[in-house]
Amino acid sequence: MIFVHDTGRMCNNILQYAHLYAWGREHKRKTMSMRFSYKYPYFHICDTPPHNLFTYLIAKYAAKLKIIPTVRFDRGIADYSKEEELMLSKNNVYVTGWYAYWYDLFLKYKEEIISLFTFHQEIEKRVSEIMENDDNLKLGIHIRRGDYATFEGGRNYFSDEQYMTFIQSFLNLYPDRKVSIYICGNDPELNKDYYIHCLPNSNVVFPCGSPGEDLCLLSHCDYLIGARSTFSLVASLYRDIPIYWIEDPLAKFTKESFRDFEYYFKDIH
């Protein structure tokens, strides 16, 4: 068994585990996500063996006591052939690190990965209720704040005015369509009145759901705009939704600015 020690937040965990799941499938090795054994209980994977708290604790302390070896993918871009050999030679290993990735294998087993991270029925039900009878073009906005104020010097931290510029640019691309704008994010002090005031002719929705509910909702939109984040990237994964990551707030914005999941996926590390 490969016990995957996921680090970071929910969607980082999804991608980290998915790479190792794909590697395990290719080499006929079973895998388990430590994080989805007790946290983020929104997905089908949480209901599959051996994803439970008991197995999580056994693996955690077995690694801590060095009963099973720990394999680390934490040196940045490097040669990890020895680490892969160890994963193949041991019955049980504890794997950690952000740099365990195999893009081609991920894409090969993409549909299985999506199936593992299918949302629980109650989450889909709530999202369906929010989007009920909405036949408009659906634009999902992911506003990432929090740690982005300092992460990488704040390069991915954008103001409401900057997000609004891209929303208005999107509306200008579809002047003959009614657009619903679903705004999700991690800013508890988001100025909702500002967006409602600036978008009087659009249906503006703030779902304010759990991380699982927000991710599910974004995965049902037609287009996604946000800062560079694995959250919007994973939302795009489910239906290969066209996505635009804001990198230059002054950039010219066109229909061709949107990319598919695979474009950003291979550039995430």
Foldseek 3Di string as FASTA:
>chain_A
DEEEEQDDDDLLLLQSVLQVCLVCVVLVHDYDYLCLLPPDVFFQLVVDPPRHPVVSVVLVVCPVVVVADEQEPAPPDDDCVVSVVSVNPDNYYYYYYSRRGDLVSSVVCLVVSLNRGHTDPVLVVLLCVVCPPPPFQEEEEEQEDVVCCPVVHNQQHDDPVLVVVVVVLVCVQCVPTAYEYEYEYDDPPDPPVVVCVVCVRHRYHDSPDDLSSSLCNLLPHQEYEGALDSSNLVSCSNPQHFYAHDRDSPDDDHPVRTDTSSVVVVVND
